[in-house]
Amino acid sequence: MREEVLVFIVMVATLLVGAVVTRNRREWSPFFLIVASVLGSLVSGMGIRAREIVEGGFGFLDASLSVTAATVFVFLLYKGGAFHRIFQWIAGIGNRALKSLLVLLFIAFPSSLTGFPFASLLTTGTIASSYMEKGGVKKEKITEILVIGSFIGMVMPPSSLPAIIASNGSGSVLPTPYNGFYLPLLAISLPLLIVYWLFNIKPLSSFEDKGKVGVEMVIAILVALAALFDGVFGSLGYNGGNTLSFFLGAVAVIIVEKGYGSAVKCFSAVSDSLMEAVVPVAFLFALGSFIEVSSMTGVRGLFSLRILPYSVEGVMAFMMALSVVVGFFFSYPLPAFLISYAVFPIGWLANPVVVTGVSMALAVTTILSLRSPLLDAASELTALDGKMKRKVFIPILAISILSLALGFFFLHFGDGFLWILNV
C-alpha cells in the first residue's frame, strides 16, 4: 500500500469515527479535524508538523475575520431587541405576499451575513417561530421553515461558508481570495428563495403585530448594502471589506442601544456574541489544517496523478456526488474536504461560477443528512418529536435537489453563457 493511501485512510477514518461517536454534533468537528491532521502527519513519518497544521488554518484567516465580525453584529442586534422590533414592523404589513417574503428574508438575514445557518436559527428564527406558533402554524411546518430559511441564507451572499471552503480549495495549497462569488451565489439563492416563498405564503404570513421602523433596521440594511457593494462592485470602489463593514455596524448598534445599559452588560453582550462564532471559525481553521497536511503528505499529489486521464468537469461532478452521499451519512466535515479537492483540478484558473456550483454539494450536507445538526436544533426549538421529523424531510429533500440541480447547471455552463456572473 502506498504511503499516501495509508495517510488518507487514517485521516478519513478519524473523521468517520468522530462522526459516529459524537452523532455528527457540529461542535466536535474541529477537534476531530485537528486530530486527523496530527495523525496524518505522524503516519507519514514527519512527526507532528506544527508549521503545516497551523499554517493551513491561516488560509481561511480573512474569511474567519469576516465571519466573526458578522456574528458579533448579528447577535448584538438580537440581544438588544432590534430583531424583535424589526419583526413586529414586518408582521404589521397588510399585504400577505410582501409580508411572507420579508419574513423569509428576515429569517435568512443572519445566515447570509455570517455564512452559517445556526446564526439564523438562534436569532431571527427563534423570533419568527414564536409568532408562527401563535398564528396556528403546525410545528413541523415551523421547523421546516426555520431549517430551509436558514439554509437559503447560508447560500446567499455576502458570506457563504460552503463557497468560502470551495474557493480556498480551488487555490491548491495556497488560498484563493473569496472574491467574485456574490453574483453566482445570488443567481442560485434567489431561485431557491422565490420558489420556497411562493409555496409558503400562508404560513409565513399567518400572524399580525404592530411596530415602528427603528434606527437598527437602517443600520442592518446599510451594512448589508455595504457588504454587497464591496463584493459586486468592488472594482469601482473598495470600502475596506466585509470585516470593516460588520465591525462598524456592531459599533453603531452598541451606540444605538446605549451600551446595553452599562459597561459590564455591553462587554457581556459582545463576549457572548463572539462565542457564537467559535464553532464555525474553529471549523474553518481545523479544515485548513486538514487540507494542508493532506497536501504535505502527498495525498493531493496522488489525487492529481489519478485524475489526469479524466475530464475536469467529470472529476468535479463525481466529487460532488460523492460528497452528497458521504454527507448524508456523516454530515459535513468530510464533504468539506472532498469539495476542496473537487475544485482542485481547475487551480488558479478558478471560475467563480463553477466553484459556486460545486459548493452546492457541500451546502446541502448541512440539511440533507441522517442526523442533521441543523434539523435537530430546529426540532428542539419547536419541540418537534422524532416521528414528525419525517414530514419535514420531504421539503428539505426538494430544496436540496433544486440546489444540486442549479449547482450542476453552474458546473456545466459556468464557462459558457453564464460568463456574465464572473464580472
Protein backbone atom coordinates (compact mmCIF):
# COMPACT_ATOMS: atom_id res chain seq x y z
CA MET A 1 0.00 0.00 0.00
CA ARG A 2 1.30 3.42 -0.93
CA GLU A 3 2.13 5.71 1.96
CA GLU A 4 -0.21 8.41 0.63
CA VAL A 5 -3.11 5.95 0.59
CA LEU A 6 -2.39 4.89 4.17
CA VAL A 7 -2.27 8.52 5.30
CA PHE A 8 -5.56 9.23 3.56
CA ILE A 9 -7.24 6.19 5.12
CA VAL A 10 -6.09 7.14 8.62
CA MET A 11 -7.22 10.75 8.29
CA VAL A 12 -10.60 9.87 6.81
CA ALA A 13 -11.17 7.05 9.32
CA THR A 14 -10.57 9.51 12.15
CA LEU A 15 -13.30 11.79 10.84
CA LEU A 16 -15.73 8.93 10.31
CA VAL A 17 -15.15 7.55 13.80
CA GLY A 18 -15.61 11.03 15.24
CA ALA A 19 -18.88 11.48 13.35
CA VAL A 20 -20.24 8.15 14.57
CA VAL A 21 -19.13 8.57 18.19
CA THR A 22 -20.48 12.13 18.50
CA ARG A 23 -23.53 11.50 16.31
CA ASN A 24 -22.50 14.33 13.96
CA ARG A 25 -22.54 17.00 16.67
CA ARG A 26 -21.05 20.05 15.00
CA GLU A 27 -19.06 21.30 17.99
CA TRP A 28 -16.85 18.19 17.81
CA SER A 29 -15.97 18.59 14.13
CA PRO A 30 -12.98 20.95 14.63
CA PHE A 31 -11.50 18.63 17.27
CA PHE A 32 -11.54 15.55 15.05
CA LEU A 33 -10.24 17.50 12.06
CA ILE A 34 -7.22 18.54 14.11
CA VAL A 35 -6.73 15.00 15.48
CA ALA A 36 -6.88 13.65 11.93
CA SER A 37 -4.29 16.23 10.82
CA VAL A 38 -1.91 15.24 13.61
CA LEU A 39 -2.34 11.52 12.91
CA GLY A 40 -1.80 12.06 9.19
CA SER A 41 1.45 13.86 9.94
CA LEU A 42 2.58 11.08 12.29
CA VAL A 43 1.70 8.22 9.93
CA SER A 44 3.68 9.88 7.13
CA GLY A 45 6.78 9.75 9.35
CA MET A 46 7.12 13.53 9.55
CA GLY A 47 6.28 13.83 13.23
CA ILE A 48 3.87 16.48 14.39
CA ARG A 49 4.43 19.20 11.80
CA ALA A 50 3.14 22.19 13.73
CA ARG A 51 4.03 24.54 10.88
CA GLU A 52 1.66 22.95 8.36
CA ILE A 53 -1.04 22.30 10.95
CA VAL A 54 -1.02 25.97 11.94
CA GLU A 55 -0.29 27.42 8.51
CA GLY A 56 -3.19 25.59 6.88
CA GLY A 57 -5.72 27.32 9.09
CA PHE A 58 -4.47 30.75 8.12
CA GLY A 59 -5.67 30.15 4.58
CA PHE A 60 -9.09 30.95 6.00
CA LEU A 61 -7.99 33.91 8.12
CA ASP A 62 -9.63 36.68 6.07
CA ALA A 63 -12.90 34.78 5.82
CA SER A 64 -12.79 33.94 9.53
CA LEU A 65 -12.40 37.59 10.48
CA SER A 66 -15.43 38.48 8.36
CA VAL A 67 -17.50 35.64 9.87
CA THR A 68 -16.54 36.69 13.39
CA ALA A 69 -17.35 40.36 12.84
CA ALA A 70 -20.67 39.47 11.17
CA THR A 71 -21.59 37.14 14.03
CA VAL A 72 -20.97 39.85 16.62
CA PHE A 73 -23.05 42.33 14.59
CA VAL A 74 -25.94 39.89 14.19
CA PHE A 75 -26.08 38.76 17.81
CA LEU A 76 -25.80 42.32 19.12
CA LEU A 77 -28.89 43.15 17.07
CA TYR A 78 -30.65 40.15 18.60
CA LYS A 79 -29.58 40.77 22.20
CA GLY A 80 -30.61 44.41 22.08
CA GLY A 81 -34.11 43.55 20.85
CA ALA A 82 -33.60 45.11 17.42
CA PHE A 83 -34.58 41.98 15.54
CA HIS A 84 -37.76 41.70 17.58
CA ARG A 85 -38.73 45.27 16.75
CA ILE A 86 -37.96 44.75 13.07
CA PHE A 87 -40.12 41.64 13.01
CA GLN A 88 -43.01 43.48 14.69
CA TRP A 89 -42.90 46.03 11.86
CA ILE A 90 -42.87 43.25 9.24
CA ALA A 91 -45.78 41.50 10.99
CA GLY A 92 -47.83 44.67 10.67
CA ILE A 93 -47.68 44.73 6.87
CA GLY A 94 -51.12 44.16 5.35
CA ASN A 95 -50.07 42.61 2.03
CA ARG A 96 -49.61 38.87 2.67
CA ALA A 97 -47.29 38.28 -0.27
CA LEU A 98 -44.94 41.08 0.76
CA LYS A 99 -45.12 40.14 4.43
CA SER A 100 -44.27 36.49 3.78
CA LEU A 101 -41.34 37.41 1.53
CA LEU A 102 -39.92 39.77 4.15
CA VAL A 103 -40.38 37.15 6.88
CA LEU A 104 -38.37 34.63 4.84
CA LEU A 105 -35.68 37.22 4.18
CA PHE A 106 -35.74 38.13 7.87
CA ILE A 107 -35.05 34.51 8.83
CA ALA A 108 -32.29 34.19 6.22
CA PHE A 109 -30.59 37.51 7.01
CA PRO A 110 -28.21 36.43 9.85
CA SER A 111 -27.07 33.35 7.94
CA SER A 112 -26.37 35.40 4.83
CA LEU A 113 -24.10 37.76 6.78
CA THR A 114 -22.28 35.14 8.86
CA GLY A 115 -22.25 32.27 6.36
CA PHE A 116 -23.50 29.58 8.76
CA PRO A 117 -27.17 28.57 9.26
CA PHE A 118 -27.20 28.42 13.06
CA ALA A 119 -26.88 32.22 13.15
CA SER A 120 -30.45 32.46 11.83
CA LEU A 121 -31.80 29.60 13.90
CA LEU A 122 -30.58 31.15 17.15
CA THR A 123 -31.77 34.70 16.40
CA THR A 124 -34.38 35.60 13.79
CA GLY A 125 -35.59 32.02 13.55
CA THR A 126 -36.35 31.97 17.26
CA ILE A 127 -38.42 35.15 16.96
CA ALA A 128 -40.31 34.06 13.84
CA SER A 129 -41.09 30.61 15.24
CA SER A 130 -42.85 32.04 18.30
CA TYR A 131 -45.06 34.23 16.10
CA MET A 132 -45.88 31.39 13.70
CA GLU A 133 -46.79 29.13 16.60
CA LYS A 134 -49.20 31.77 17.94
CA GLY A 135 -50.61 32.07 14.42
CA GLY A 136 -51.57 28.41 14.41
CA VAL A 137 -48.84 27.07 12.14
CA LYS A 138 -48.05 23.41 12.80
CA LYS A 139 -44.76 22.53 14.46
CA GLU A 140 -43.48 20.51 11.52
CA LYS A 141 -44.09 23.42 9.14
CA ILE A 142 -42.35 25.87 11.51
CA THR A 143 -39.38 23.52 11.78
CA GLU A 144 -39.26 23.19 8.00
CA ILE A 145 -39.33 26.98 7.52
CA LEU A 146 -36.56 27.52 10.06
CA VAL A 147 -34.29 24.88 8.51
CA ILE A 148 -34.84 25.88 4.88
CA GLY A 149 -34.84 29.63 5.62
CA SER A 150 -31.51 29.28 7.43
CA PHE A 151 -30.16 27.14 4.60
CA ILE A 152 -31.14 29.67 1.93
CA GLY A 153 -29.50 32.40 4.00
CA MET A 154 -26.27 30.39 4.11
CA VAL A 155 -26.28 30.14 0.31
CA MET A 156 -26.87 33.88 -0.14
CA PRO A 157 -24.04 36.43 -0.26
CA PRO A 158 -22.12 38.18 1.22
CA SER A 159 -20.83 35.22 3.25
CA SER A 160 -21.34 31.54 2.43
CA LEU A 161 -19.13 29.02 4.21
CA PRO A 162 -19.57 26.33 1.51
CA ALA A 163 -18.42 28.79 -1.18
CA ILE A 164 -15.60 30.06 1.06
CA ILE A 165 -14.35 26.49 1.53
CA ALA A 166 -14.61 25.74 -2.18
CA SER A 167 -12.83 28.97 -3.15
CA ASN A 168 -9.96 28.09 -0.82
CA GLY A 169 -9.68 24.60 -2.29
CA SER A 170 -9.52 25.93 -5.83
CA GLY A 171 -6.30 27.71 -4.95
CA SER A 172 -4.36 24.49 -4.45
CA VAL A 173 -2.18 24.70 -1.33
CA LEU A 174 -2.43 28.46 -1.13
CA PRO A 175 -5.78 30.19 -0.51
CA THR A 176 -7.78 31.85 -3.22
CA PRO A 177 -9.43 35.11 -2.12
CA TYR A 178 -13.18 34.91 -1.64
CA ASN A 179 -13.87 37.37 -4.45
CA GLY A 180 -16.30 37.19 -7.34
CA PHE A 181 -18.77 34.84 -5.70
CA TYR A 182 -21.56 37.31 -4.89
CA LEU A 183 -23.35 37.26 -8.24
CA PRO A 184 -23.15 33.46 -8.68
CA LEU A 185 -24.46 32.98 -5.13
CA LEU A 186 -27.32 35.38 -5.83
CA ALA A 187 -28.11 33.53 -9.04
CA ILE A 188 -28.51 30.30 -7.06
CA SER A 189 -30.07 31.59 -3.85
CA LEU A 190 -32.75 33.84 -5.39
CA PRO A 191 -34.49 30.99 -7.26
CA LEU A 192 -34.42 28.93 -4.05
CA LEU A 193 -35.86 31.86 -2.11
CA ILE A 194 -38.60 32.63 -4.65
CA VAL A 195 -39.71 29.03 -5.14
CA TYR A 196 -39.92 28.33 -1.42
CA TRP A 197 -41.66 31.66 -0.76
CA LEU A 198 -44.35 31.03 -3.39
CA PHE A 199 -45.21 27.67 -1.83
CA ASN A 200 -45.36 29.03 1.73
CA ILE A 201 -47.04 32.43 1.61
CA LYS A 202 -49.79 31.38 4.04
CA PRO A 203 -47.66 30.01 6.95
CA LEU A 204 -45.15 32.84 6.52
CA SER A 205 -47.89 35.47 6.98
CA SER A 206 -50.25 33.84 9.50
CA PHE A 207 -49.77 36.42 12.28
CA GLU A 208 -50.10 40.12 12.96
CA ASP A 209 -48.42 42.70 15.15
CA LYS A 210 -47.57 46.38 15.16
CA GLY A 211 -44.24 48.12 15.32
CA LYS A 212 -42.20 51.03 14.03
CA VAL A 213 -39.07 51.03 11.92
CA GLY A 214 -36.16 51.87 14.19
CA VAL A 215 -32.61 53.04 13.61
CA GLU A 216 -31.39 49.45 13.94
CA MET A 217 -33.21 48.44 10.77
CA VAL A 218 -31.49 51.24 8.87
CA ILE A 219 -28.12 50.10 10.24
CA ALA A 220 -28.79 46.49 9.23
CA ILE A 221 -29.77 47.49 5.69
CA LEU A 222 -26.77 49.81 5.29
CA VAL A 223 -24.34 47.13 6.47
CA ALA A 224 -25.87 44.56 4.10
CA LEU A 225 -25.68 47.01 1.20
CA ALA A 226 -22.07 47.90 2.03
CA ALA A 227 -21.14 44.21 2.02
CA LEU A 228 -22.91 43.62 -1.29
CA PHE A 229 -21.33 46.69 -2.86
CA ASP A 230 -17.90 45.52 -1.83
CA GLY A 231 -18.50 42.11 -3.41
CA VAL A 232 -20.35 43.08 -6.58
CA PHE A 233 -18.86 46.49 -7.35
CA GLY A 234 -15.52 46.19 -5.57
CA SER A 235 -13.68 47.09 -8.77
CA LEU A 236 -15.38 50.51 -8.75
CA GLY A 237 -14.62 51.34 -5.14
CA TYR A 238 -13.23 49.21 -2.33
CA ASN A 239 -14.80 50.09 1.04
CA GLY A 240 -12.44 48.11 3.24
CA GLY A 241 -14.01 44.67 3.09
CA ASN A 242 -16.82 42.98 4.93
CA THR A 243 -14.95 42.80 8.21
CA LEU A 244 -14.81 46.59 8.43
CA SER A 245 -18.48 46.96 7.48
CA PHE A 246 -19.59 44.45 10.11
CA PHE A 247 -17.33 45.97 12.75
CA LEU A 248 -18.66 49.48 12.16
CA GLY A 249 -22.19 48.08 12.18
CA ALA A 250 -21.56 46.46 15.56
CA VAL A 251 -20.22 49.73 16.96
CA ALA A 252 -23.29 51.57 15.64
CA VAL A 253 -25.60 49.03 17.30
CA ILE A 254 -23.82 49.46 20.64
CA ILE A 255 -24.22 53.23 20.38
CA VAL A 256 -27.92 52.98 19.47
CA GLU A 257 -28.50 50.53 22.32
CA LYS A 258 -26.70 52.95 24.68
CA GLY A 259 -24.10 50.41 25.65
CA TYR A 260 -26.81 47.95 26.74
CA GLY A 261 -27.17 49.88 29.99
CA SER A 262 -23.69 49.56 31.46
CA ALA A 263 -20.09 48.72 30.58
CA VAL A 264 -20.45 45.26 32.12
CA LYS A 265 -23.60 44.45 30.14
CA CYS A 266 -22.02 45.80 26.95
CA PHE A 267 -18.89 43.68 27.44
CA SER A 268 -21.05 40.66 28.22
CA ALA A 269 -23.12 41.17 25.05
CA VAL A 270 -20.01 41.41 22.87
CA SER A 271 -18.34 38.46 24.60
CA ASP A 272 -21.40 36.24 24.24
CA SER A 273 -21.68 37.22 20.58
CA LEU A 274 -18.04 36.30 19.97
CA MET A 275 -18.62 32.88 21.50
CA GLU A 276 -21.26 32.14 18.86
CA ALA A 277 -18.55 32.42 16.19
CA VAL A 278 -16.23 29.93 17.87
CA VAL A 279 -17.55 26.74 16.24
CA PRO A 280 -17.73 27.93 12.59
CA VAL A 281 -14.37 29.71 12.80
CA ALA A 282 -12.72 26.78 14.57
CA PHE A 283 -14.13 24.51 11.86
CA LEU A 284 -12.58 26.65 9.11
CA PHE A 285 -9.15 26.70 10.80
CA ALA A 286 -9.23 22.95 11.52
CA LEU A 287 -10.30 22.19 7.95
CA GLY A 288 -7.42 24.32 6.68
CA SER A 289 -5.03 22.20 8.76
CA PHE A 290 -6.56 19.01 7.40
CA ILE A 291 -6.20 20.19 3.80
CA GLU A 292 -2.62 21.40 4.35
CA VAL A 293 -1.47 18.13 5.93
CA SER A 294 -3.05 16.13 3.12
CA SER A 295 -1.08 18.24 0.65
CA MET A 296 2.15 17.96 2.67
CA THR A 297 1.95 14.16 2.86
CA GLY A 298 1.39 13.70 -0.88
CA VAL A 299 -2.31 12.85 -0.82
CA ARG A 300 -3.17 15.76 -3.10
CA GLY A 301 -0.30 14.89 -5.41
CA LEU A 302 -1.55 11.31 -5.75
CA PHE A 303 -5.05 12.63 -6.39
CA SER A 304 -3.70 14.86 -9.17
CA LEU A 305 -1.95 11.88 -10.75
CA ARG A 306 -5.03 9.67 -10.68
CA ILE A 307 -7.40 12.20 -12.25
CA LEU A 308 -5.16 13.06 -15.22
CA PRO A 309 -6.94 10.71 -17.67
CA TYR A 310 -10.36 12.16 -16.90
CA SER A 311 -12.14 15.39 -17.81
CA VAL A 312 -12.08 18.19 -15.28
CA GLU A 313 -15.86 18.51 -15.31
CA GLY A 314 -16.28 14.77 -14.82
CA VAL A 315 -13.95 14.76 -11.83
CA MET A 316 -15.76 17.67 -10.20
CA ALA A 317 -19.20 16.11 -10.82
CA PHE A 318 -18.05 12.80 -9.33
CA MET A 319 -16.62 14.51 -6.25
CA MET A 320 -19.86 16.46 -5.80
CA ALA A 321 -21.90 13.27 -5.92
CA LEU A 322 -19.50 11.55 -3.52
CA SER A 323 -19.72 14.49 -1.12
CA VAL A 324 -23.51 14.31 -1.04
CA VAL A 325 -23.53 10.56 -0.40
CA VAL A 326 -20.89 10.77 2.33
CA GLY A 327 -22.56 13.84 3.82
CA PHE A 328 -25.88 12.04 4.03
CA PHE A 329 -24.38 9.54 6.47
CA PHE A 330 -21.65 11.58 8.15
CA SER A 331 -22.65 15.26 7.93
CA TYR A 332 -20.28 17.93 6.55
CA PRO A 333 -16.62 17.65 7.80
CA LEU A 334 -15.51 15.02 5.27
CA PRO A 335 -17.60 16.51 2.40
CA ALA A 336 -15.90 19.85 3.13
CA PHE A 337 -12.55 18.17 2.48
CA LEU A 338 -13.84 16.40 -0.63
CA ILE A 339 -15.19 19.64 -2.09
CA SER A 340 -11.81 21.31 -1.58
CA TYR A 341 -10.41 18.53 -3.78
CA ALA A 342 -13.31 18.70 -6.24
CA VAL A 343 -12.34 22.19 -7.36
CA PHE A 344 -8.60 21.50 -7.22
CA PRO A 345 -8.23 20.46 -10.90
CA ILE A 346 -9.05 23.98 -12.11
CA GLY A 347 -6.40 25.50 -9.83
CA TRP A 348 -5.62 29.18 -10.25
CA LEU A 349 -7.93 29.38 -13.27
CA ALA A 350 -10.83 29.02 -10.86
CA ASN A 351 -14.09 30.23 -12.32
CA PRO A 352 -16.35 31.64 -9.54
CA VAL A 353 -19.47 30.34 -11.29
CA VAL A 354 -18.12 26.79 -11.47
CA VAL A 355 -16.74 26.88 -7.92
CA THR A 356 -20.06 28.22 -6.61
CA GLY A 357 -21.90 25.41 -8.37
CA VAL A 358 -19.60 22.78 -6.87
CA SER A 359 -20.06 24.28 -3.40
CA MET A 360 -23.78 23.43 -3.50
CA ALA A 361 -22.91 19.78 -2.88
CA LEU A 362 -21.35 20.85 0.40
CA ALA A 363 -24.18 23.25 1.21
CA VAL A 364 -26.90 20.58 1.11
CA THR A 365 -25.00 18.36 3.55
CA THR A 366 -25.90 20.85 6.30
CA ILE A 367 -29.55 19.81 5.97
CA LEU A 368 -29.58 16.58 3.99
CA SER A 369 -28.12 14.00 6.38
CA LEU A 370 -29.38 11.26 8.63
CA ARG A 371 -28.57 13.31 11.69
CA SER A 372 -28.58 16.90 10.54
CA PRO A 373 -27.39 19.12 13.40
CA LEU A 374 -29.48 21.96 11.99
CA LEU A 375 -32.68 19.89 11.83
CA ASP A 376 -32.06 18.55 15.32
CA ALA A 377 -31.56 22.05 16.72
CA ALA A 378 -34.66 23.39 14.94
CA SER A 379 -36.70 20.45 16.22
CA GLU A 380 -35.59 21.17 19.77
CA LEU A 381 -36.62 24.79 19.35
CA THR A 382 -40.11 23.85 18.17
CA ALA A 383 -40.42 20.78 20.45
CA LEU A 384 -40.97 18.55 17.42
CA ASP A 385 -40.81 14.83 18.19
CA GLY A 386 -38.88 12.29 16.15
CA LYS A 387 -41.84 10.87 14.26
CA MET A 388 -42.92 14.28 12.98
CA LYS A 389 -39.42 14.95 11.63
CA ARG A 390 -40.18 12.64 8.73
CA LYS A 391 -42.71 15.13 7.36
CA VAL A 392 -40.02 17.81 7.34
CA PHE A 393 -37.66 15.65 5.28
CA ILE A 394 -39.71 15.83 2.06
CA PRO A 395 -39.48 19.65 1.55
CA ILE A 396 -35.85 19.55 2.70
CA LEU A 397 -35.15 16.92 0.05
CA ALA A 398 -36.95 19.02 -2.57
CA ILE A 399 -34.95 22.19 -1.85
CA SER A 400 -31.75 20.11 -1.76
CA ILE A 401 -32.48 18.61 -5.18
CA LEU A 402 -33.16 22.07 -6.61
CA SER A 403 -29.92 23.38 -5.08
CA LEU A 404 -27.93 20.49 -6.53
CA ALA A 405 -29.58 20.89 -9.92
CA LEU A 406 -28.55 24.54 -10.01
CA GLY A 407 -25.08 23.54 -8.83
CA PHE A 408 -24.61 21.02 -11.65
CA PHE A 409 -26.04 23.56 -14.09
CA PHE A 410 -23.41 26.09 -12.98
CA LEU A 411 -20.71 23.44 -13.23
CA HIS A 412 -21.62 22.56 -16.81
CA PHE A 413 -22.37 26.05 -18.13
CA GLY A 414 -20.06 28.12 -15.92
CA ASP A 415 -17.60 28.65 -18.75
CA GLY A 416 -20.36 29.27 -21.29
CA PHE A 417 -23.26 31.70 -21.32
CA LEU A 418 -23.03 32.23 -17.53
CA TRP A 419 -19.84 34.20 -18.07
CA ILE A 420 -21.60 37.44 -17.09
CA LEU A 421 -21.79 36.20 -13.47
CA ASN A 422 -17.99 36.24 -13.31
CA VAL A 423 -17.90 40.01 -13.70
